[in-house]
PDB file of N, CA and C in Angstrom:
ATOM      1  N   MET A   1       0.847  -1.186   0.000  1.00  0.00           N
ATOM      2  CA  MET A   1       0.000   0.000   0.000  1.00  0.00           C
ATOM      3  C   MET A   1       0.887   1.242   0.000  1.00  0.00           C
ATOM      4  N   LEU A   2       0.513   2.198  -0.806  1.00  0.00           N
ATOM      5  CA  LEU A   2       1.232   3.472  -0.846  1.00  0.00           C
ATOM      6  C   LEU A   2       0.903   4.296   0.393  1.00  0.00           C
ATOM      7  N   GLU A   3       1.847   5.127   0.802  1.00  0.00           N
ATOM      8  CA  GLU A   3       1.619   6.073   1.888  1.00  0.00           C
ATOM      9  C   GLU A   3       1.773   7.473   1.325  1.00  0.00           C
ATOM     10  N   LEU A   4       0.804   8.313   1.602  1.00  0.00           N
ATOM     11  CA  LEU A   4       0.836   9.703   1.162  1.00  0.00           C
ATOM     12  C   LEU A   4       0.877  10.584   2.403  1.00  0.00           C
ATOM     13  N   TYR A   5       2.003  11.276   2.591  1.00  0.00           N
ATOM     14  CA  TYR A   5       2.166  12.212   3.698  1.00  0.00           C
ATOM     15  C   TYR A   5       1.847  13.607   3.185  1.00  0.00           C
ATOM     16  N   VAL A   6       0.964  14.318   3.870  1.00  0.00           N
ATOM     17  CA  VAL A   6       0.594  15.670   3.446  1.00  0.00           C
ATOM     18  C   VAL A   6       0.774  16.648   4.601  1.00  0.00           C
ATOM     19  N   ALA A   7       1.260  17.843   4.259  1.00  0.00           N
ATOM     20  CA  ALA A   7       1.462  18.887   5.264  1.00  0.00           C
ATOM     21  C   ALA A   7       1.176  20.247   4.642  1.00  0.00           C
ATOM     22  N   SER A   8       0.866  21.195   5.486  1.00  0.00           N
ATOM     23  CA  SER A   8       0.632  22.561   5.002  1.00  0.00           C
ATOM     24  C   SER A   8       1.107  23.549   6.055  1.00  0.00           C
ATOM     25  N   THR A   9       1.215  24.786   5.616  1.00  0.00           N
ATOM     26  CA  THR A   9       1.619  25.851   6.525  1.00  0.00           C
ATOM     27  C   THR A   9       1.094  27.175   5.988  1.00  0.00           C
ATOM     28  N   TYR A  10       1.200  28.180   6.808  1.00  0.00           N
ATOM     29  CA  TYR A  10       0.811  29.525   6.399  1.00  0.00           C
ATOM     30  C   TYR A  10       1.840  30.496   6.946  1.00  0.00           C
ATOM     31  N   SER A  11       2.305  31.398   6.116  1.00  0.00           N
ATOM     32  CA  SER A  11       3.261  32.414   6.549  1.00  0.00           C
ATOM     33  C   SER A  11       2.552  33.766   6.591  1.00  0.00           C
ATOM     34  N   PRO A  12       2.248  34.279   7.791  1.00  0.00           N
ATOM     35  CA  PRO A  12       1.594  35.574   7.900  1.00  0.00           C
ATOM     36  C   PRO A  12       2.435  36.707   7.295  1.00  0.00           C
ATOM     37  N   ALA A  13       3.741  36.612   7.455  1.00  0.00           N
ATOM     38  CA  ALA A  13       4.624  37.660   6.932  1.00  0.00           C
ATOM     39  C   ALA A  13       4.524  37.759   5.411  1.00  0.00           C
ATOM     40  N   ARG A  14       4.402  36.630   4.756  1.00  0.00           N
ATOM     41  CA  ARG A  14       4.310  36.610   3.289  1.00  0.00           C
ATOM     42  C   ARG A  14       2.870  36.532   2.802  1.00  0.00           C
ATOM     43  N   GLU A  15       1.925  36.346   3.753  1.00  0.00           N
ATOM     44  CA  GLU A  15       0.516  36.167   3.420  1.00  0.00           C
ATOM     45  C   GLU A  15       0.344  35.078   2.361  1.00  0.00           C
ATOM     46  N   THR A  16       1.057  33.968   2.591  1.00  0.00           N
ATOM     47  CA  THR A  16       1.077  32.876   1.639  1.00  0.00           C
ATOM     48  C   THR A  16       0.927  31.546   2.358  1.00  0.00           C
ATOM     49  N   GLY A  17       0.120  30.669   1.772  1.00  0.00           N
ATOM     50  CA  GLY A  17      -0.011  29.310   2.278  1.00  0.00           C
ATOM     51  C   GLY A  17       0.820  28.382   1.416  1.00  0.00           C
ATOM     52  N   GLY A  18       1.294  27.309   2.011  1.00  0.00           N
ATOM     53  CA  GLY A  18       2.096  26.349   1.269  1.00  0.00           C
ATOM     54  C   GLY A  18       1.707  24.928   1.622  1.00  0.00           C
ATOM     55  N   TRP A  19       1.996  24.009   0.705  1.00  0.00           N
ATOM     56  CA  TRP A  19       1.713  22.599   0.942  1.00  0.00           C
ATOM     57  C   TRP A  19       2.881  21.753   0.449  1.00  0.00           C
ATOM     58  N   GLY A  20       2.979  20.565   1.010  1.00  0.00           N
ATOM     59  CA  GLY A  20       4.002  19.623   0.596  1.00  0.00           C
ATOM     60  C   GLY A  20       3.475  18.209   0.686  1.00  0.00           C
ATOM     61  N   ILE A  21       3.918  17.347  -0.224  1.00  0.00           N
ATOM     62  CA  ILE A  21       3.515  15.942  -0.207  1.00  0.00           C
ATOM     63  C   ILE A  21       4.732  15.046  -0.376  1.00  0.00           C
ATOM     64  N   LYS A  22       4.586  13.848   0.131  1.00  0.00           N
ATOM     65  CA  LYS A  22       5.592  12.822  -0.087  1.00  0.00           C
ATOM     66  C   LYS A  22       4.856  11.503  -0.245  1.00  0.00           C
ATOM     67  N   VAL A  23       5.109  10.799  -1.371  1.00  0.00           N
ATOM     68  CA  VAL A  23       4.518   9.498  -1.621  1.00  0.00           C
ATOM     69  C   VAL A  23       5.604   8.458  -1.371  1.00  0.00           C
ATOM     70  N   VAL A  24       5.281   7.492  -0.520  1.00  0.00           N
ATOM     71  CA  VAL A  24       6.244   6.477  -0.106  1.00  0.00           C
ATOM     72  C   VAL A  24       5.650   5.089  -0.344  1.00  0.00           C
ATOM     73  N   GLU A  25       6.498   4.168  -0.818  1.00  0.00           N
ATOM     74  CA  GLU A  25       6.088   2.775  -0.951  1.00  0.00           C
ATOM     75  C   GLU A  25       7.189   1.901  -0.370  1.00  0.00           C
ATOM     76  N   GLU A  26       6.808   1.087   0.618  1.00  0.00           N
ATOM     77  CA  GLU A  26       7.746   0.191   1.284  1.00  0.00           C
ATOM     78  C   GLU A  26       9.027   0.912   1.730  1.00  0.00           C
ATOM     79  N   GLY A  27       8.853   2.088   2.313  1.00  0.00           N
ATOM     80  CA  GLY A  27       9.974   2.852   2.834  1.00  0.00           C
ATOM     81  C   GLY A  27      10.786   3.605   1.796  1.00  0.00           C
ATOM     82  N   ARG A  28      10.366   3.562   0.555  1.00  0.00           N
ATOM     83  CA  ARG A  28      11.081   4.218  -0.541  1.00  0.00           C
ATOM     84  C   ARG A  28      10.270   5.397  -1.068  1.00  0.00           C
ATOM     85  N   GLN A  29      10.896   6.569  -1.138  1.00  0.00           N
ATOM     86  CA  GLN A  29      10.223   7.763  -1.657  1.00  0.00           C
ATOM     87  C   GLN A  29      10.004   7.625  -3.161  1.00  0.00           C
ATOM     88  N   LEU A  30       8.759   7.809  -3.588  1.00  0.00           N
ATOM     89  CA  LEU A  30       8.430   7.759  -5.009  1.00  0.00           C
ATOM     90  C   LEU A  30       8.254   9.153  -5.598  1.00  0.00           C
ATOM     91  N   LYS A  31       7.574  10.018  -4.838  1.00  0.00           N
ATOM     92  CA  LYS A  31       7.297  11.370  -5.319  1.00  0.00           C
ATOM     93  C   LYS A  31       7.375  12.333  -4.153  1.00  0.00           C
ATOM     94  N   ARG A  32       7.721  13.569  -4.497  1.00  0.00           N
ATOM     95  CA  ARG A  32       7.777  14.648  -3.514  1.00  0.00           C
ATOM     96  C   ARG A  32       7.473  15.924  -4.275  1.00  0.00           C
ATOM     97  N   GLU A  33       6.476  16.658  -3.810  1.00  0.00           N
ATOM     98  CA  GLU A  33       6.112  17.906  -4.488  1.00  0.00           C
ATOM     99  C   GLU A  33       5.697  18.941  -3.468  1.00  0.00           C
ATOM    100  N   LYS A  34       5.640  20.191  -3.933  1.00  0.00           N
ATOM    101  CA  LYS A  34       5.267  21.302  -3.068  1.00  0.00           C
ATOM    102  C   LYS A  34       4.608  22.378  -3.909  1.00  0.00           C
ATOM    103  N   GLY A  35       3.929  23.285  -3.235  1.00  0.00           N
ATOM    104  CA  GLY A  35       3.317  24.409  -3.920  1.00  0.00           C
ATOM    105  C   GLY A  35       2.914  25.472  -2.921  1.00  0.00           C
ATOM    106  N   SER A  36       2.563  26.622  -3.437  1.00  0.00           N
ATOM    107  CA  SER A  36       2.137  27.716  -2.555  1.00  0.00           C
ATOM    108  C   SER A  36       1.092  28.560  -3.272  1.00  0.00           C
ATOM    109  N   GLU A  37       0.394  29.355  -2.492  1.00  0.00           N
ATOM    110  CA  GLU A  37      -0.648  30.214  -3.041  1.00  0.00           C
ATOM    111  C   GLU A  37      -0.788  31.447  -2.155  1.00  0.00           C
ATOM    112  N   LYS A  38      -0.680  32.591  -2.754  1.00  0.00           N
ATOM    113  CA  LYS A  38      -0.837  33.851  -2.026  1.00  0.00           C
ATOM    114  C   LYS A  38      -2.266  33.960  -1.491  1.00  0.00           C
ATOM    115  N   GLY A  39      -2.386  34.314  -0.229  1.00  0.00           N
ATOM    116  CA  GLY A  39      -3.691  34.533   0.383  1.00  0.00           C
ATOM    117  C   GLY A  39      -4.442  33.280   0.784  1.00  0.00           C
ATOM    118  N   ALA A  40      -3.862  32.115   0.561  1.00  0.00           N
ATOM    119  CA  ALA A  40      -4.536  30.866   0.916  1.00  0.00           C
ATOM    120  C   ALA A  40      -4.363  30.568   2.404  1.00  0.00           C
ATOM    121  N   THR A  41      -5.357  29.955   3.002  1.00  0.00           N
ATOM    122  CA  THR A  41      -5.305  29.606   4.417  1.00  0.00           C
ATOM    123  C   THR A  41      -4.603  28.265   4.629  1.00  0.00           C
ATOM    124  N   HIS A  42      -4.264  28.023   5.876  1.00  0.00           N
ATOM    125  CA  HIS A  42      -3.654  26.750   6.259  1.00  0.00           C
ATOM    126  C   HIS A  42      -4.579  25.585   5.873  1.00  0.00           C
ATOM    127  N   ASN A  43      -5.866  25.700   6.198  1.00  0.00           N
ATOM    128  CA  ASN A  43      -6.816  24.630   5.889  1.00  0.00           C
ATOM    129  C   ASN A  43      -6.976  24.414   4.388  1.00  0.00           C
ATOM    130  N   ALA A  44      -7.008  25.483   3.631  1.00  0.00           N
ATOM    131  CA  ALA A  44      -7.106  25.344   2.171  1.00  0.00           C
ATOM    132  C   ALA A  44      -5.874  24.620   1.630  1.00  0.00           C
ATOM    133  N   MET A  45      -4.713  24.907   2.198  1.00  0.00           N
ATOM    134  CA  MET A  45      -3.483  24.292   1.709  1.00  0.00           C
ATOM    135  C   MET A  45      -3.392  22.806   2.068  1.00  0.00           C
ATOM    136  N   ILE A  46      -3.936  22.400   3.206  1.00  0.00           N
ATOM    137  CA  ILE A  46      -3.900  20.977   3.536  1.00  0.00           C
ATOM    138  C   ILE A  46      -4.814  20.204   2.594  1.00  0.00           C
ATOM    139  N   LEU A  47      -5.930  20.800   2.215  1.00  0.00           N
ATOM    140  CA  LEU A  47      -6.812  20.165   1.232  1.00  0.00           C
ATOM    141  C   LEU A  47      -6.125  20.096  -0.126  1.00  0.00           C
ATOM    142  N   LYS A  48      -5.454  21.173  -0.501  1.00  0.00           N
ATOM    143  CA  LYS A  48      -4.719  21.209  -1.772  1.00  0.00           C
ATOM    144  C   LYS A  48      -3.630  20.137  -1.783  1.00  0.00           C
ATOM    145  N   ALA A  49      -2.946  19.951  -0.665  1.00  0.00           N
ATOM    146  CA  ALA A  49      -1.910  18.929  -0.573  1.00  0.00           C
ATOM    147  C   ALA A  49      -2.499  17.543  -0.814  1.00  0.00           C
ATOM    148  N   ALA A  50      -3.637  17.269  -0.185  1.00  0.00           N
ATOM    149  CA  ALA A  50      -4.278  15.966  -0.364  1.00  0.00           C
ATOM    150  C   ALA A  50      -4.736  15.773  -1.812  1.00  0.00           C
ATOM    151  N   ILE A  51      -5.310  16.811  -2.409  1.00  0.00           N
ATOM    152  CA  ILE A  51      -5.766  16.738  -3.804  1.00  0.00           C
ATOM    153  C   ILE A  51      -4.587  16.479  -4.732  1.00  0.00           C
ATOM    154  N   GLU A  52      -3.539  17.266  -4.579  1.00  0.00           N
ATOM    155  CA  GLU A  52      -2.361  17.124  -5.439  1.00  0.00           C
ATOM    156  C   GLU A  52      -1.697  15.765  -5.245  1.00  0.00           C
ATOM    157  N   GLY A  53      -1.580  15.345  -3.997  1.00  0.00           N
ATOM    158  CA  GLY A  53      -0.950  14.063  -3.716  1.00  0.00           C
ATOM    159  C   GLY A  53      -1.711  12.891  -4.302  1.00  0.00           C
ATOM    160  N   LEU A  54      -3.019  12.868  -4.071  1.00  0.00           N
ATOM    161  CA  LEU A  54      -3.825  11.779  -4.603  1.00  0.00           C
ATOM    162  C   LEU A  54      -3.848  11.793  -6.131  1.00  0.00           C
ATOM    163  N   SER A  55      -3.795  12.971  -6.722  1.00  0.00           N
ATOM    164  CA  SER A  55      -3.787  13.089  -8.182  1.00  0.00           C
ATOM    165  C   SER A  55      -2.539  12.453  -8.799  1.00  0.00           C
ATOM    166  N   LYS A  56      -1.475  12.353  -8.026  1.00  0.00           N
ATOM    167  CA  LYS A  56      -0.216  11.776  -8.516  1.00  0.00           C
ATOM    168  C   LYS A  56      -0.206  10.251  -8.407  1.00  0.00           C
ATOM    169  N   ILE A  57      -1.247   9.681  -7.815  1.00  0.00           N
ATOM    170  CA  ILE A  57      -1.318   8.243  -7.577  1.00  0.00           C
ATOM    171  C   ILE A  57      -2.349   7.639  -8.530  1.00  0.00           C
ATOM    172  N   ASP A  58      -2.007   6.507  -9.116  1.00  0.00           N
ATOM    173  CA  ASP A  58      -2.891   5.854 -10.087  1.00  0.00           C
ATOM    174  C   ASP A  58      -4.268   5.577  -9.503  1.00  0.00           C
ATOM    175  N   GLU A  59      -5.279   5.757 -10.343  1.00  0.00           N
ATOM    176  CA  GLU A  59      -6.640   5.439  -9.940  1.00  0.00           C
ATOM    177  C   GLU A  59      -6.723   3.959  -9.590  1.00  0.00           C
ATOM    178  N   GLY A  60      -7.531   3.636  -8.588  1.00  0.00           N
ATOM    179  CA  GLY A  60      -7.700   2.263  -8.143  1.00  0.00           C
ATOM    180  C   GLY A  60      -6.678   1.815  -7.108  1.00  0.00           C
ATOM    181  N   SER A  61      -5.658   2.626  -6.860  1.00  0.00           N
ATOM    182  CA  SER A  61      -4.611   2.269  -5.897  1.00  0.00           C
ATOM    183  C   SER A  61      -5.121   2.374  -4.466  1.00  0.00           C
ATOM    184  N   GLU A  62      -4.516   1.581  -3.588  1.00  0.00           N
ATOM    185  CA  GLU A  62      -4.767   1.703  -2.162  1.00  0.00           C
ATOM    186  C   GLU A  62      -3.757   2.688  -1.599  1.00  0.00           C
ATOM    187  N   VAL A  63      -4.266   3.676  -0.852  1.00  0.00           N
ATOM    188  CA  VAL A  63      -3.412   4.748  -0.348  1.00  0.00           C
ATOM    189  C   VAL A  63      -3.731   5.014   1.118  1.00  0.00           C
ATOM    190  N   LYS A  64      -2.702   5.008   1.936  1.00  0.00           N
ATOM    191  CA  LYS A  64      -2.849   5.441   3.320  1.00  0.00           C
ATOM    192  C   LYS A  64      -2.471   6.909   3.344  1.00  0.00           C
ATOM    193  N   LEU A  65      -3.439   7.784   3.600  1.00  0.00           N
ATOM    194  CA  LEU A  65      -3.215   9.228   3.638  1.00  0.00           C
ATOM    195  C   LEU A  65      -2.913   9.616   5.086  1.00  0.00           C
ATOM    196  N   LEU A  66      -1.714  10.133   5.313  1.00  0.00           N
ATOM    197  CA  LEU A  66      -1.240  10.424   6.667  1.00  0.00           C
ATOM    198  C   LEU A  66      -1.012  11.914   6.859  1.00  0.00           C
ATOM    199  N   SER A  67      -1.553  12.459   7.944  1.00  0.00           N
ATOM    200  CA  SER A  67      -1.408  13.882   8.217  1.00  0.00           C
ATOM    201  C   SER A  67      -1.589  14.145   9.703  1.00  0.00           C
ATOM    202  N   ASN A  68      -1.048  15.275  10.147  1.00  0.00           N
ATOM    203  CA  ASN A  68      -1.298  15.708  11.524  1.00  0.00           C
ATOM    204  C   ASN A  68      -2.400  16.767  11.553  1.00  0.00           C
ATOM    205  N   SER A  69      -3.149  16.880  10.457  1.00  0.00           N
ATOM    206  CA  SER A  69      -4.251  17.836  10.370  1.00  0.00           C
ATOM    207  C   SER A  69      -5.575  17.153  10.711  1.00  0.00           C
ATOM    208  N   GLU A  70      -6.093  17.473  11.886  1.00  0.00           N
ATOM    209  CA  GLU A  70      -7.407  16.944  12.262  1.00  0.00           C
ATOM    210  C   GLU A  70      -8.474  17.444  11.310  1.00  0.00           C
ATOM    211  N   TYR A  71      -8.339  18.674  10.847  1.00  0.00           N
ATOM    212  CA  TYR A  71      -9.283  19.250   9.887  1.00  0.00           C
ATOM    213  C   TYR A  71      -9.432  18.325   8.677  1.00  0.00           C
ATOM    214  N   LEU A  72      -8.330  17.869   8.141  1.00  0.00           N
ATOM    215  CA  LEU A  72      -8.342  17.000   6.967  1.00  0.00           C
ATOM    216  C   LEU A  72      -8.849  15.603   7.295  1.00  0.00           C
ATOM    217  N   ILE A  73      -8.258  14.968   8.267  1.00  0.00           N
ATOM    218  CA  ILE A  73      -8.581  13.572   8.566  1.00  0.00           C
ATOM    219  C   ILE A  73     -10.027  13.418   9.025  1.00  0.00           C
ATOM    220  N   ILE A  74     -10.472  14.265   9.932  1.00  0.00           N
ATOM    221  CA  ILE A  74     -11.860  14.186  10.401  1.00  0.00           C
ATOM    222  C   ILE A  74     -12.823  14.506   9.261  1.00  0.00           C
ATOM    223  N   GLY A  75     -12.488  15.512   8.440  1.00  0.00           N
ATOM    224  CA  GLY A  75     -13.346  15.882   7.312  1.00  0.00           C
ATOM    225  C   GLY A  75     -13.476  14.790   6.271  1.00  0.00           C
ATOM    226  N   ILE A  76     -12.418  14.022   6.053  1.00  0.00           N
ATOM    227  CA  ILE A  76     -12.491  12.904   5.104  1.00  0.00           C
ATOM    228  C   ILE A  76     -13.380  11.803   5.675  1.00  0.00           C
ATOM    229  N   LYS A  77     -13.212  11.529   6.945  1.00  0.00           N
ATOM    230  CA  LYS A  77     -13.967  10.440   7.579  1.00  0.00           C
ATOM    231  C   LYS A  77     -15.438  10.773   7.795  1.00  0.00           C
ATOM    232  N   ASP A  78     -15.746  12.047   8.002  1.00  0.00           N
ATOM    233  CA  ASP A  78     -17.124  12.455   8.306  1.00  0.00           C
ATOM    234  C   ASP A  78     -17.415  13.801   7.653  1.00  0.00           C
ATOM    235  N   ALA A  79     -18.074  13.770   6.510  1.00  0.00           N
ATOM    236  CA  ALA A  79     -18.350  14.985   5.732  1.00  0.00           C
ATOM    237  C   ALA A  79     -19.166  16.009   6.524  1.00  0.00           C
ATOM    238  N   ARG A  80     -19.910  15.568   7.523  1.00  0.00           N
ATOM    239  CA  ARG A  80     -20.709  16.509   8.329  1.00  0.00           C
ATOM    240  C   ARG A  80     -19.823  17.432   9.159  1.00  0.00           C
ATOM    241  N   GLN A  81     -18.574  17.053   9.364  1.00  0.00           N
ATOM    242  CA  GLN A  81     -17.651  17.841  10.178  1.00  0.00           C
ATOM    243  C   GLN A  81     -16.904  18.910   9.375  1.00  0.00           C
ATOM    244  N   ARG A  82     -17.112  18.936   8.075  1.00  0.00           N
ATOM    245  CA  ARG A  82     -16.380  19.864   7.218  1.00  0.00           C
ATOM    246  C   ARG A  82     -16.841  21.301   7.430  1.00  0.00           C
ATOM    247  N   LYS A  83     -15.848  22.197   7.474  1.00  0.00           N
ATOM    248  CA  LYS A  83     -16.141  23.624   7.627  1.00  0.00           C
ATOM    249  C   LYS A  83     -15.363  24.385   6.559  1.00  0.00           C
ATOM    250  N   GLY A  84     -16.070  25.173   5.774  1.00  0.00           N
ATOM    251  CA  GLY A  84     -15.428  26.009   4.763  1.00  0.00           C
ATOM    252  C   GLY A  84     -14.797  25.219   3.628  1.00  0.00           C
ATOM    253  N   ASN A  85     -14.230  25.935   2.676  1.00  0.00           N
ATOM    254  CA  ASN A  85     -13.494  25.363   1.549  1.00  0.00           C
ATOM    255  C   ASN A  85     -14.307  24.337   0.752  1.00  0.00           C
ATOM    256  N   ARG A  86     -15.569  24.622   0.540  1.00  0.00           N
ATOM    257  CA  ARG A  86     -16.472  23.677  -0.123  1.00  0.00           C
ATOM    258  C   ARG A  86     -15.923  23.179  -1.458  1.00  0.00           C
ATOM    259  N   GLU A  87     -15.424  24.087  -2.297  1.00  0.00           N
ATOM    260  CA  GLU A  87     -14.928  23.672  -3.613  1.00  0.00           C
ATOM    261  C   GLU A  87     -13.743  22.722  -3.496  1.00  0.00           C
ATOM    262  N   LEU A  88     -12.857  22.987  -2.549  1.00  0.00           N
ATOM    263  CA  LEU A  88     -11.711  22.101  -2.362  1.00  0.00           C
ATOM    264  C   LEU A  88     -12.134  20.736  -1.827  1.00  0.00           C
ATOM    265  N   TRP A  89     -13.095  20.707  -0.923  1.00  0.00           N
ATOM    266  CA  TRP A  89     -13.616  19.427  -0.437  1.00  0.00           C
ATOM    267  C   TRP A  89     -14.236  18.632  -1.590  1.00  0.00           C
ATOM    268  N   GLU A  90     -14.958  19.316  -2.476  1.00  0.00           N
ATOM    269  CA  GLU A  90     -15.562  18.635  -3.623  1.00  0.00           C
ATOM    270  C   GLU A  90     -14.484  18.068  -4.546  1.00  0.00           C
ATOM    271  N   GLN A  91     -13.421  18.835  -4.782  1.00  0.00           N
ATOM    272  CA  GLN A  91     -12.307  18.337  -5.595  1.00  0.00           C
ATOM    273  C   GLN A  91     -11.656  17.127  -4.937  1.00  0.00           C
ATOM    274  N   LEU A  92     -11.461  17.205  -3.626  1.00  0.00           N
ATOM    275  CA  LEU A  92     -10.844  16.093  -2.905  1.00  0.00           C
ATOM    276  C   LEU A  92     -11.718  14.841  -3.001  1.00  0.00           C
ATOM    277  N   ASP A  93     -13.013  15.001  -2.843  1.00  0.00           N
ATOM    278  CA  ASP A  93     -13.913  13.854  -2.955  1.00  0.00           C
ATOM    279  C   ASP A  93     -13.799  13.191  -4.328  1.00  0.00           C
ATOM    280  N   LYS A  94     -13.755  13.997  -5.386  1.00  0.00           N
ATOM    281  CA  LYS A  94     -13.653  13.445  -6.744  1.00  0.00           C
ATOM    282  C   LYS A  94     -12.377  12.632  -6.919  1.00  0.00           C
ATOM    283  N   VAL A  95     -11.269  13.152  -6.443  1.00  0.00           N
ATOM    284  CA  VAL A  95      -9.979  12.465  -6.581  1.00  0.00           C
ATOM    285  C   VAL A  95      -9.942  11.231  -5.676  1.00  0.00           C
ATOM    286  N   ALA A  96     -10.393  11.375  -4.445  1.00  0.00           N
ATOM    287  CA  ALA A  96     -10.344  10.271  -3.478  1.00  0.00           C
ATOM    288  C   ALA A  96     -11.255   9.121  -3.890  1.00  0.00           C
ATOM    289  N   ASN A  97     -12.393   9.429  -4.472  1.00  0.00           N
ATOM    290  CA  ASN A  97     -13.343   8.381  -4.858  1.00  0.00           C
ATOM    291  C   ASN A  97     -12.812   7.466  -5.952  1.00  0.00           C
ATOM    292  N   ARG A  98     -11.752   7.871  -6.621  1.00  0.00           N
ATOM    293  CA  ARG A  98     -11.157   7.044  -7.681  1.00  0.00           C
ATOM    294  C   ARG A  98     -10.011   6.181  -7.152  1.00  0.00           C
ATOM    295  N   ARG A  99      -9.786   6.241  -5.850  1.00  0.00           N
ATOM    296  CA  ARG A  99      -8.742   5.469  -5.192  1.00  0.00           C
ATOM    297  C   ARG A  99      -9.313   4.899  -3.898  1.00  0.00           C
ATOM    298  N   HIS A 100      -8.630   3.953  -3.306  1.00  0.00           N
ATOM    299  CA  HIS A 100      -9.028   3.405  -2.010  1.00  0.00           C
ATOM    300  C   HIS A 100      -8.190   4.123  -0.958  1.00  0.00           C
ATOM    301  N   VAL A 101      -8.792   5.134  -0.338  1.00  0.00           N
ATOM    302  CA  VAL A 101      -8.057   6.016   0.571  1.00  0.00           C
ATOM    303  C   VAL A 101      -8.389   5.680   2.018  1.00  0.00           C
ATOM    304  N   TYR A 102      -7.323   5.502   2.800  1.00  0.00           N
ATOM    305  CA  TYR A 102      -7.442   5.211   4.218  1.00  0.00           C
ATOM    306  C   TYR A 102      -6.758   6.337   4.997  1.00  0.00           C
ATOM    307  N   PRO A 103      -7.546   7.326   5.448  1.00  0.00           N
ATOM    308  CA  PRO A 103      -6.948   8.459   6.166  1.00  0.00           C
ATOM    309  C   PRO A 103      -6.556   8.079   7.585  1.00  0.00           C
ATOM    310  N   ASP A 104      -5.441   8.635   8.030  1.00  0.00           N
ATOM    311  CA  ASP A 104      -4.984   8.349   9.386  1.00  0.00           C
ATOM    312  C   ASP A 104      -4.278   9.568   9.958  1.00  0.00           C
ATOM    313  N   TYR A 105      -4.655   9.901  11.178  1.00  0.00           N
ATOM    314  CA  TYR A 105      -4.018  11.006  11.897  1.00  0.00           C
ATOM    315  C   TYR A 105      -2.718  10.499  12.516  1.00  0.00           C
ATOM    316  N   ILE A 106      -1.663  11.273  12.377  1.00  0.00           N
ATOM    317  CA  ILE A 106      -0.380  10.937  12.979  1.00  0.00           C
ATOM    318  C   ILE A 106       0.048  12.120  13.842  1.00  0.00           C
ATOM    319  N   ALA A 107       0.338  11.864  15.101  1.00  0.00           N
ATOM    320  CA  ALA A 107       0.841  12.929  15.975  1.00  0.00           C
ATOM    321  C   ALA A 107       2.204  13.384  15.465  1.00  0.00           C
ATOM    322  N   LYS A 108       2.495  14.645  15.637  1.00  0.00           N
ATOM    323  CA  LYS A 108       3.739  15.217  15.112  1.00  0.00           C
ATOM    324  C   LYS A 108       4.981  14.443  15.530  1.00  0.00           C
ATOM    325  N   HIS A 109       5.034  13.987  16.759  1.00  0.00           N
ATOM    326  CA  HIS A 109       6.250  13.321  17.230  1.00  0.00           C
ATOM    327  C   HIS A 109       6.519  11.998  16.517  1.00  0.00           C
ATOM    328  N   LYS A 110       5.497  11.383  15.923  1.00  0.00           N
ATOM    329  CA  LYS A 110       5.690  10.099  15.251  1.00  0.00           C
ATOM    330  C   LYS A 110       6.317  10.236  13.866  1.00  0.00           C
ATOM    331  N   TRP A 111       6.258  11.388  13.300  1.00  0.00           N
ATOM    332  CA  TRP A 111       6.846  11.566  11.962  1.00  0.00           C
ATOM    333  C   TRP A 111       7.468  12.938  11.835  1.00  0.00           C
ATOM    334  N   LEU A 112       8.129  13.349  12.894  1.00  0.00           N
ATOM    335  CA  LEU A 112       8.691  14.690  12.961  1.00  0.00           C
ATOM    336  C   LEU A 112       9.612  14.995  11.789  1.00  0.00           C
ATOM    337  N   GLY A 113      10.479  14.066  11.444  1.00  0.00           N
ATOM    338  CA  GLY A 113      11.387  14.285  10.314  1.00  0.00           C
ATOM    339  C   GLY A 113      10.646  14.549   9.023  1.00  0.00           C
ATOM    340  N   GLU A 114       9.632  13.745   8.750  1.00  0.00           N
ATOM    341  CA  GLU A 114       8.836  13.930   7.528  1.00  0.00           C
ATOM    342  C   GLU A 114       8.096  15.263   7.567  1.00  0.00           C
ATOM    343  N   ALA A 115       7.475  15.572   8.693  1.00  0.00           N
ATOM    344  CA  ALA A 115       6.695  16.802   8.806  1.00  0.00           C
ATOM    345  C   ALA A 115       7.560  18.035   8.624  1.00  0.00           C
ATOM    346  N   GLN A 116       8.744  18.003   9.233  1.00  0.00           N
ATOM    347  CA  GLN A 116       9.625  19.159   9.111  1.00  0.00           C
ATOM    348  C   GLN A 116      10.053  19.371   7.661  1.00  0.00           C
ATOM    349  N   MET A 117      10.390  18.297   6.985  1.00  0.00           N
ATOM    350  CA  MET A 117      10.811  18.426   5.599  1.00  0.00           C
ATOM    351  C   MET A 117       9.661  18.951   4.739  1.00  0.00           C
ATOM    352  N   LEU A 118       8.484  18.418   4.914  1.00  0.00           N
ATOM    353  CA  LEU A 118       7.336  18.882   4.137  1.00  0.00           C
ATOM    354  C   LEU A 118       6.968  20.318   4.478  1.00  0.00           C
ATOM    355  N   ALA A 119       7.031  20.678   5.751  1.00  0.00           N
ATOM    356  CA  ALA A 119       6.707  22.050   6.159  1.00  0.00           C
ATOM    357  C   ALA A 119       7.680  23.050   5.530  1.00  0.00           C
ATOM    358  N   ARG A 120       8.974  22.694   5.539  1.00  0.00           N
ATOM    359  CA  ARG A 120       9.956  23.590   4.905  1.00  0.00           C
ATOM    360  C   ARG A 120       9.671  23.750   3.418  1.00  0.00           C
ATOM    361  N   ASP A 121       9.380  22.638   2.766  1.00  0.00           N
ATOM    362  CA  ASP A 121       9.046  22.711   1.335  1.00  0.00           C
ATOM    363  C   ASP A 121       7.812  23.585   1.123  1.00  0.00           C
ATOM    364  N   ALA A 122       6.827  23.395   1.974  1.00  0.00           N
ATOM    365  CA  ALA A 122       5.585  24.157   1.820  1.00  0.00           C
ATOM    366  C   ALA A 122       5.809  25.648   2.033  1.00  0.00           C
ATOM    367  N   VAL A 123       6.617  26.003   3.019  1.00  0.00           N
ATOM    368  CA  VAL A 123       6.876  27.415   3.288  1.00  0.00           C
ATOM    369  C   VAL A 123       7.618  28.063   2.110  1.00  0.00           C
ATOM    370  N   ARG A 124       8.564  27.331   1.556  1.00  0.00           N
ATOM    371  CA  ARG A 124       9.315  27.855   0.416  1.00  0.00           C
ATOM    372  C   ARG A 124       8.454  27.926  -0.844  1.00  0.00           C
ATOM    373  N   GLY A 125       7.466  26.983  -0.912  1.00  0.00           N
ATOM    374  CA  GLY A 125       6.531  26.927  -2.029  1.00  0.00           C
ATOM    375  C   GLY A 125       7.170  27.239  -3.310  1.00  0.00           C
TER     376      GLY A 125
END
């Protein structure tokens, strides 16, 4: 099963949100990408990270989506808990429905190295 690590950040000084992804299979990095958007919120960027990450994975694949964002993980598991960013949630649903996605919350200390690398990439966008 593929693992998709997603992270996001927001820089108030630059008024820019950033996201980063890392796709891993059996401990081996397959893909790593990042992006940024002026004026985007932290929550919008975590959704963008999930959309971009899942888009890089073949349809029909099994994917464990890992993040320390409760906003993302809870929203994927229970659509009633979603707040804001309706268009991004709709995009995420379309991409996720074409794959077998298993979202999982990971506390920061369990993947600190991965989170730090993705956060730096996201900030640099």
